[in-house]
N, C-alpha and C. Protein backbone atom coordinates (compact mmCIF):
# COMPACT_ATOMS: atom_id res chain seq x y z
N UNK A 1 233.11 -24.13 -28.95
CA UNK A 1 232.44 -23.35 -29.96
C UNK A 1 232.83 -21.89 -29.78
N UNK A 2 233.26 -21.26 -30.86
CA UNK A 2 233.62 -19.85 -30.83
C UNK A 2 232.65 -19.09 -31.71
N UNK A 3 231.98 -18.15 -31.13
CA UNK A 3 231.12 -17.24 -31.89
C UNK A 3 231.64 -15.84 -31.61
N UNK A 4 231.91 -15.13 -32.65
CA UNK A 4 232.40 -13.77 -32.52
C UNK A 4 231.32 -12.82 -33.02
N UNK A 5 230.97 -11.85 -32.20
CA UNK A 5 229.96 -10.87 -32.60
C UNK A 5 230.39 -9.51 -32.06
N UNK A 6 230.52 -8.54 -32.94
CA UNK A 6 230.90 -7.20 -32.54
C UNK A 6 230.01 -6.18 -33.25
N UNK A 7 229.53 -5.22 -32.50
CA UNK A 7 228.80 -4.09 -33.07
C UNK A 7 229.78 -2.94 -33.20
N UNK A 8 229.70 -2.24 -34.30
CA UNK A 8 230.65 -1.16 -34.54
C UNK A 8 229.90 0.10 -34.95
N UNK A 9 229.98 1.17 -34.16
CA UNK A 9 229.36 2.42 -34.60
C UNK A 9 230.26 3.11 -35.61
N UNK A 10 229.68 3.68 -36.64
CA UNK A 10 230.42 4.42 -37.64
C UNK A 10 230.27 5.92 -37.39
N UNK A 11 231.13 6.71 -37.99
CA UNK A 11 231.12 8.16 -37.78
C UNK A 11 229.80 8.80 -38.16
N UNK A 12 229.07 8.22 -39.13
CA UNK A 12 227.80 8.82 -39.56
C UNK A 12 226.63 8.37 -38.69
N UNK A 13 226.89 7.63 -37.63
CA UNK A 13 225.84 7.20 -36.72
C UNK A 13 225.27 5.83 -37.03
N UNK A 14 225.64 5.24 -38.16
CA UNK A 14 225.13 3.91 -38.48
C UNK A 14 225.86 2.87 -37.63
N UNK A 15 225.31 1.69 -37.59
CA UNK A 15 225.84 0.62 -36.75
C UNK A 15 226.13 -0.58 -37.62
N UNK A 16 227.29 -1.17 -37.49
CA UNK A 16 227.66 -2.36 -38.23
C UNK A 16 227.77 -3.55 -37.30
N UNK A 17 227.45 -4.72 -37.81
CA UNK A 17 227.56 -5.95 -37.03
C UNK A 17 228.40 -6.93 -37.83
N UNK A 18 229.40 -7.46 -37.20
CA UNK A 18 230.23 -8.49 -37.80
C UNK A 18 230.08 -9.72 -36.93
N UNK A 19 229.68 -10.81 -37.54
CA UNK A 19 229.47 -12.04 -36.78
C UNK A 19 230.18 -13.17 -37.50
N UNK A 20 230.87 -13.99 -36.73
CA UNK A 20 231.61 -15.08 -37.33
C UNK A 20 231.66 -16.26 -36.37
N UNK A 21 231.57 -17.45 -36.92
CA UNK A 21 231.76 -18.66 -36.13
C UNK A 21 232.31 -19.75 -37.04
N UNK A 22 233.07 -20.63 -36.48
CA UNK A 22 233.55 -21.78 -37.23
C UNK A 22 232.68 -23.00 -36.96
N UNK A 23 231.64 -22.82 -36.17
CA UNK A 23 230.78 -23.93 -35.80
C UNK A 23 229.34 -23.44 -35.78
N UNK A 24 228.54 -23.88 -36.70
CA UNK A 24 227.14 -23.49 -36.72
C UNK A 24 226.34 -24.63 -37.32
N UNK A 25 225.64 -25.36 -36.49
CA UNK A 25 224.83 -26.49 -36.97
C UNK A 25 223.82 -26.01 -38.01
N UNK A 26 223.67 -26.80 -39.04
CA UNK A 26 222.67 -26.50 -40.05
C UNK A 26 223.16 -25.61 -41.18
N UNK A 27 224.36 -25.03 -41.04
CA UNK A 27 224.89 -24.15 -42.07
C UNK A 27 226.22 -24.72 -42.56
N UNK A 28 226.24 -25.14 -43.79
CA UNK A 28 227.48 -25.66 -44.35
C UNK A 28 228.33 -24.54 -44.94
N UNK A 29 227.68 -23.53 -45.48
CA UNK A 29 228.40 -22.40 -46.07
C UNK A 29 227.47 -21.18 -46.05
N UNK A 30 227.23 -20.67 -44.87
CA UNK A 30 226.32 -19.53 -44.74
C UNK A 30 227.11 -18.24 -44.92
N UNK A 31 227.11 -17.74 -46.12
CA UNK A 31 227.74 -16.47 -46.44
C UNK A 31 226.62 -15.52 -46.83
N UNK A 32 226.40 -14.52 -46.01
CA UNK A 32 225.32 -13.58 -46.24
C UNK A 32 225.81 -12.16 -46.01
N UNK A 33 225.09 -11.22 -46.56
CA UNK A 33 225.26 -9.84 -46.14
C UNK A 33 223.90 -9.19 -46.11
N UNK A 34 223.76 -8.21 -45.27
CA UNK A 34 222.53 -7.42 -45.19
C UNK A 34 222.94 -5.99 -44.88
N UNK A 35 222.39 -5.07 -45.65
CA UNK A 35 222.66 -3.65 -45.45
C UNK A 35 221.32 -2.97 -45.25
N UNK A 36 221.17 -2.34 -44.10
CA UNK A 36 219.93 -1.66 -43.75
C UNK A 36 220.18 -0.17 -43.68
N UNK A 37 219.35 0.59 -44.38
CA UNK A 37 219.43 2.04 -44.34
C UNK A 37 218.15 2.62 -43.77
N UNK A 38 218.10 3.93 -43.70
CA UNK A 38 216.91 4.60 -43.15
C UNK A 38 215.70 4.38 -44.05
N UNK A 39 215.92 4.23 -45.36
CA UNK A 39 214.81 4.14 -46.30
C UNK A 39 214.70 2.82 -47.05
N UNK A 40 215.76 2.03 -47.02
CA UNK A 40 215.73 0.78 -47.78
C UNK A 40 216.76 -0.20 -47.21
N UNK A 41 216.61 -1.45 -47.59
CA UNK A 41 217.54 -2.50 -47.16
C UNK A 41 217.73 -3.50 -48.30
N UNK A 42 218.89 -4.14 -48.31
CA UNK A 42 219.14 -5.25 -49.24
C UNK A 42 219.78 -6.38 -48.45
N UNK A 43 219.60 -7.62 -48.95
CA UNK A 43 220.26 -8.77 -48.34
C UNK A 43 220.50 -9.82 -49.41
N UNK A 44 221.52 -10.64 -49.18
CA UNK A 44 221.90 -11.69 -50.12
C UNK A 44 222.40 -12.87 -49.33
N UNK A 45 222.16 -14.07 -49.86
CA UNK A 45 222.54 -15.31 -49.20
C UNK A 45 223.11 -16.26 -50.25
N UNK A 46 224.30 -16.78 -50.00
CA UNK A 46 224.94 -17.70 -50.94
C UNK A 46 224.08 -18.92 -51.23
N UNK A 47 223.27 -19.35 -50.25
CA UNK A 47 222.42 -20.52 -50.46
C UNK A 47 221.35 -20.26 -51.53
N UNK A 48 221.08 -19.01 -51.83
CA UNK A 48 220.13 -18.64 -52.88
C UNK A 48 220.78 -17.55 -53.72
N UNK A 49 221.91 -17.89 -54.33
CA UNK A 49 222.79 -16.89 -54.94
C UNK A 49 222.21 -16.20 -56.17
N UNK A 50 221.12 -16.68 -56.71
CA UNK A 50 220.52 -16.05 -57.88
C UNK A 50 219.47 -15.00 -57.51
N UNK A 51 219.36 -14.70 -56.24
CA UNK A 51 218.34 -13.74 -55.78
C UNK A 51 218.96 -12.68 -54.88
N UNK A 52 218.46 -11.47 -55.01
CA UNK A 52 218.78 -10.37 -54.13
C UNK A 52 217.47 -9.91 -53.50
N UNK A 53 217.45 -9.80 -52.19
CA UNK A 53 216.26 -9.35 -51.49
C UNK A 53 216.35 -7.84 -51.30
N UNK A 54 215.23 -7.13 -51.55
CA UNK A 54 215.22 -5.67 -51.46
C UNK A 54 213.96 -5.21 -50.73
N UNK A 55 214.13 -4.26 -49.82
CA UNK A 55 213.02 -3.69 -49.07
C UNK A 55 213.07 -2.18 -49.22
N UNK A 56 211.95 -1.58 -49.61
CA UNK A 56 211.86 -0.13 -49.78
C UNK A 56 210.79 0.41 -48.85
N UNK A 57 211.20 1.19 -47.87
CA UNK A 57 210.26 1.74 -46.91
C UNK A 57 209.33 2.77 -47.54
N UNK A 58 209.67 3.25 -48.74
CA UNK A 58 208.84 4.21 -49.44
C UNK A 58 207.65 3.59 -50.15
N UNK A 59 207.60 2.27 -50.20
CA UNK A 59 206.46 1.60 -50.83
C UNK A 59 205.18 1.88 -50.03
N UNK A 60 204.06 1.83 -50.72
CA UNK A 60 202.78 1.97 -50.02
C UNK A 60 202.66 0.87 -48.97
N UNK A 61 202.04 1.18 -47.85
CA UNK A 61 202.01 0.25 -46.73
C UNK A 61 201.38 -1.09 -47.08
N UNK A 62 200.39 -1.10 -47.96
CA UNK A 62 199.76 -2.39 -48.31
C UNK A 62 200.63 -3.21 -49.27
N UNK A 63 201.72 -2.62 -49.80
CA UNK A 63 202.65 -3.35 -50.68
C UNK A 63 204.03 -3.50 -50.06
N UNK A 64 204.25 -2.87 -48.93
CA UNK A 64 205.59 -2.85 -48.33
C UNK A 64 205.98 -4.23 -47.84
N UNK A 65 207.17 -4.64 -48.21
CA UNK A 65 207.70 -5.93 -47.80
C UNK A 65 208.95 -6.25 -48.60
N UNK A 66 209.59 -7.32 -48.26
CA UNK A 66 210.80 -7.74 -48.98
C UNK A 66 210.43 -8.21 -50.38
N UNK A 67 211.19 -7.77 -51.37
CA UNK A 67 211.06 -8.23 -52.75
C UNK A 67 212.20 -9.18 -53.05
N UNK A 68 211.90 -10.20 -53.76
CA UNK A 68 212.92 -11.14 -54.20
C UNK A 68 213.20 -10.86 -55.67
N UNK A 69 214.41 -10.38 -55.95
CA UNK A 69 214.79 -10.03 -57.32
C UNK A 69 215.64 -11.15 -57.88
N UNK A 70 215.15 -11.79 -58.91
CA UNK A 70 215.89 -12.86 -59.57
C UNK A 70 216.89 -12.20 -60.51
N UNK A 71 218.17 -12.40 -60.28
CA UNK A 71 219.20 -11.64 -60.98
C UNK A 71 219.85 -12.41 -62.13
N UNK A 72 219.09 -13.27 -62.78
CA UNK A 72 219.67 -14.04 -63.88
C UNK A 72 219.13 -13.64 -65.24
N UNK A 73 218.52 -12.47 -65.32
CA UNK A 73 218.08 -11.97 -66.61
C UNK A 73 219.30 -11.63 -67.45
N UNK A 74 219.18 -11.69 -68.76
CA UNK A 74 220.31 -11.44 -69.66
C UNK A 74 220.91 -10.06 -69.54
N UNK A 75 220.21 -9.11 -68.95
CA UNK A 75 220.75 -7.76 -68.79
C UNK A 75 221.65 -7.63 -67.57
N UNK A 76 221.64 -8.60 -66.69
CA UNK A 76 222.50 -8.56 -65.51
C UNK A 76 223.94 -8.86 -65.93
N UNK A 77 224.92 -8.29 -65.20
CA UNK A 77 226.33 -8.56 -65.55
C UNK A 77 226.61 -10.07 -65.61
N UNK A 78 227.31 -10.48 -66.61
CA UNK A 78 227.73 -11.87 -66.85
C UNK A 78 226.63 -12.76 -67.41
N UNK A 79 225.39 -12.45 -67.16
CA UNK A 79 224.33 -13.41 -67.49
C UNK A 79 224.09 -13.58 -68.99
N UNK A 80 224.51 -12.62 -69.80
CA UNK A 80 224.34 -12.79 -71.25
C UNK A 80 225.31 -13.82 -71.82
N UNK A 81 226.17 -14.38 -70.97
CA UNK A 81 227.12 -15.41 -71.41
C UNK A 81 226.63 -16.82 -71.12
N UNK A 82 225.48 -16.93 -70.44
CA UNK A 82 225.01 -18.24 -70.03
C UNK A 82 223.74 -18.63 -70.77
N UNK A 83 222.95 -19.48 -70.15
CA UNK A 83 221.79 -20.09 -70.76
C UNK A 83 220.70 -19.08 -71.07
N UNK A 84 219.55 -19.59 -71.29
CA UNK A 84 218.38 -18.76 -71.56
C UNK A 84 218.17 -17.82 -70.37
N UNK A 85 217.88 -16.52 -70.61
CA UNK A 85 217.65 -15.61 -69.50
C UNK A 85 216.61 -16.15 -68.51
N UNK A 86 216.91 -16.02 -67.24
CA UNK A 86 216.00 -16.47 -66.20
C UNK A 86 216.40 -17.78 -65.57
N UNK A 87 217.24 -18.57 -66.25
CA UNK A 87 217.70 -19.82 -65.65
C UNK A 87 218.84 -19.53 -64.69
N UNK A 88 218.87 -20.20 -63.58
CA UNK A 88 219.88 -19.96 -62.57
C UNK A 88 221.23 -20.52 -62.94
N UNK A 89 222.25 -19.93 -62.32
CA UNK A 89 223.61 -20.47 -62.43
C UNK A 89 223.99 -21.00 -61.06
N UNK A 90 225.08 -21.73 -61.00
CA UNK A 90 225.51 -22.32 -59.74
C UNK A 90 226.76 -21.66 -59.19
N UNK A 91 227.14 -22.10 -58.02
CA UNK A 91 228.32 -21.59 -57.32
C UNK A 91 229.56 -21.66 -58.20
N UNK A 92 229.69 -22.78 -58.92
CA UNK A 92 230.89 -22.98 -59.74
C UNK A 92 231.01 -21.96 -60.86
N UNK A 93 229.89 -21.43 -61.33
CA UNK A 93 229.94 -20.46 -62.43
C UNK A 93 230.60 -19.15 -62.00
N UNK A 94 230.53 -18.82 -60.72
CA UNK A 94 231.18 -17.60 -60.25
C UNK A 94 232.70 -17.68 -60.45
N UNK A 95 233.25 -18.89 -60.41
CA UNK A 95 234.68 -19.04 -60.65
C UNK A 95 235.02 -18.86 -62.12
N UNK A 96 234.12 -19.25 -62.99
CA UNK A 96 234.31 -18.99 -64.42
C UNK A 96 234.34 -17.49 -64.66
N UNK A 97 233.49 -16.75 -63.96
CA UNK A 97 233.47 -15.29 -64.09
C UNK A 97 234.80 -14.70 -63.62
N UNK A 98 235.36 -15.24 -62.55
CA UNK A 98 236.65 -14.74 -62.06
C UNK A 98 237.75 -14.96 -63.09
N UNK A 99 237.78 -16.13 -63.70
CA UNK A 99 238.79 -16.42 -64.71
C UNK A 99 238.60 -15.50 -65.91
N UNK A 100 237.36 -15.29 -66.33
CA UNK A 100 237.09 -14.39 -67.46
C UNK A 100 237.57 -12.97 -67.14
N UNK A 101 237.32 -12.49 -65.93
CA UNK A 101 237.79 -11.16 -65.55
C UNK A 101 239.31 -11.09 -65.55
N UNK A 102 239.95 -12.15 -65.05
CA UNK A 102 241.42 -12.19 -65.03
C UNK A 102 241.98 -12.17 -66.44
N UNK A 103 241.45 -13.00 -67.33
CA UNK A 103 241.93 -13.03 -68.71
C UNK A 103 241.70 -11.69 -69.41
N UNK A 104 240.57 -11.07 -69.14
CA UNK A 104 240.30 -9.75 -69.72
C UNK A 104 241.31 -8.72 -69.22
N UNK A 105 241.68 -8.81 -67.93
CA UNK A 105 242.66 -7.86 -67.39
C UNK A 105 244.03 -8.05 -68.04
N UNK A 106 244.38 -9.28 -68.39
CA UNK A 106 245.63 -9.52 -69.11
C UNK A 106 245.60 -8.88 -70.49
N UNK A 107 244.44 -8.96 -71.12
CA UNK A 107 244.27 -8.39 -72.46
C UNK A 107 244.30 -6.86 -72.44
N UNK A 108 243.61 -6.26 -71.46
CA UNK A 108 243.47 -4.81 -71.43
C UNK A 108 244.53 -4.10 -70.60
N UNK A 109 245.19 -4.84 -69.69
CA UNK A 109 246.17 -4.22 -68.80
C UNK A 109 245.55 -3.55 -67.59
N UNK A 110 244.22 -3.64 -67.45
CA UNK A 110 243.54 -3.06 -66.29
C UNK A 110 243.67 -3.99 -65.10
N UNK A 111 243.61 -3.40 -63.90
CA UNK A 111 243.67 -4.21 -62.69
C UNK A 111 242.46 -5.14 -62.62
N UNK A 112 242.69 -6.30 -62.04
CA UNK A 112 241.62 -7.28 -61.83
C UNK A 112 241.54 -7.54 -60.33
N UNK A 113 240.37 -7.32 -59.76
CA UNK A 113 240.21 -7.55 -58.33
C UNK A 113 239.66 -8.93 -58.04
N UNK A 114 239.82 -9.43 -56.88
CA UNK A 114 240.53 -8.76 -55.80
C UNK A 114 242.04 -8.83 -56.01
N UNK A 115 242.73 -7.81 -55.51
CA UNK A 115 244.17 -7.71 -55.65
C UNK A 115 244.86 -8.29 -54.42
N UNK A 116 246.16 -8.37 -54.48
CA UNK A 116 246.94 -8.80 -53.31
C UNK A 116 246.69 -7.84 -52.16
N UNK A 117 246.60 -6.55 -52.46
CA UNK A 117 246.33 -5.55 -51.41
C UNK A 117 244.97 -5.81 -50.75
N UNK A 118 243.96 -6.15 -51.56
CA UNK A 118 242.64 -6.49 -51.01
C UNK A 118 242.75 -7.68 -50.06
N UNK A 119 243.49 -8.70 -50.47
CA UNK A 119 243.67 -9.89 -49.63
C UNK A 119 244.40 -9.55 -48.35
N UNK A 120 245.41 -8.69 -48.45
CA UNK A 120 246.17 -8.28 -47.27
C UNK A 120 245.27 -7.54 -46.28
N UNK A 121 244.46 -6.62 -46.78
CA UNK A 121 243.55 -5.87 -45.91
C UNK A 121 242.52 -6.80 -45.27
N UNK A 122 242.04 -7.77 -46.02
CA UNK A 122 241.10 -8.75 -45.48
C UNK A 122 241.76 -9.57 -44.37
N UNK A 123 243.00 -9.98 -44.59
CA UNK A 123 243.71 -10.76 -43.59
C UNK A 123 243.93 -9.96 -42.31
N UNK A 124 244.19 -8.66 -42.44
CA UNK A 124 244.35 -7.81 -41.25
C UNK A 124 243.05 -7.79 -40.44
N UNK A 125 241.91 -7.72 -41.12
CA UNK A 125 240.62 -7.74 -40.42
C UNK A 125 240.42 -9.08 -39.73
N UNK A 126 240.70 -10.17 -40.44
CA UNK A 126 240.53 -11.51 -39.86
C UNK A 126 241.42 -11.69 -38.64
N UNK A 127 242.65 -11.21 -38.70
CA UNK A 127 243.55 -11.33 -37.56
C UNK A 127 243.05 -10.48 -36.38
N UNK A 128 242.54 -9.29 -36.68
CA UNK A 128 241.99 -8.45 -35.61
C UNK A 128 240.78 -9.12 -34.96
N UNK A 129 239.97 -9.81 -35.75
CA UNK A 129 238.82 -10.54 -35.20
C UNK A 129 239.30 -11.62 -34.24
N UNK A 130 240.29 -12.40 -34.65
CA UNK A 130 240.81 -13.47 -33.78
C UNK A 130 241.44 -12.89 -32.52
N UNK A 131 242.23 -11.83 -32.67
CA UNK A 131 242.86 -11.20 -31.51
C UNK A 131 241.81 -10.62 -30.56
N UNK A 132 240.77 -10.01 -31.13
CA UNK A 132 239.71 -9.42 -30.32
C UNK A 132 238.95 -10.50 -29.55
N UNK A 133 238.68 -11.62 -30.21
CA UNK A 133 237.99 -12.71 -29.54
C UNK A 133 238.84 -13.29 -28.41
N UNK A 134 240.15 -13.41 -28.65
CA UNK A 134 241.03 -13.99 -27.63
C UNK A 134 241.17 -13.06 -26.42
N UNK A 135 241.24 -11.76 -26.67
CA UNK A 135 241.45 -10.81 -25.57
C UNK A 135 240.15 -10.21 -25.04
N UNK A 136 239.04 -10.48 -25.75
CA UNK A 136 237.73 -9.92 -25.40
C UNK A 136 237.80 -8.40 -25.28
N UNK A 137 238.49 -7.80 -26.27
CA UNK A 137 238.59 -6.34 -26.33
C UNK A 137 238.70 -5.92 -27.78
N UNK A 138 238.43 -4.63 -28.03
CA UNK A 138 238.52 -4.09 -29.39
C UNK A 138 239.96 -4.12 -29.88
N UNK A 139 240.13 -4.39 -31.14
CA UNK A 139 241.45 -4.35 -31.78
C UNK A 139 241.34 -3.53 -33.04
N UNK A 140 242.41 -2.84 -33.37
CA UNK A 140 242.46 -2.08 -34.63
C UNK A 140 243.17 -2.91 -35.69
N UNK A 141 242.87 -2.61 -36.92
CA UNK A 141 243.53 -3.31 -38.03
C UNK A 141 244.64 -2.45 -38.59
């Protein structure tokens, strides 16, 4: 079992955590992100892809806590193309969105992400993660 976990300090004093494993019981596709700031935090989980969790430290103490924002209202990007507002979409629909963005880029001539450069930069990070795990030392990308 390989679990990779690295904490990374940033120039502004914030701390990042990158964690990866190819073996995790109970998780078939656990893709999550969480961003914590001094005043607020957000998190998202692919297993509940129609929701974004939001925490605002500025809320009154008796109301402070994580909010679950259902992001399938018709005003959200892409959602006006689907069913009745408020109904969830599935994992497969995100691929339809990618194709629609690609076709639109062909029509308008604008770049459509992710680009080859994005993929290359991602691969450099993945390789640095593997090299770092093998050598048990920091690696640059």
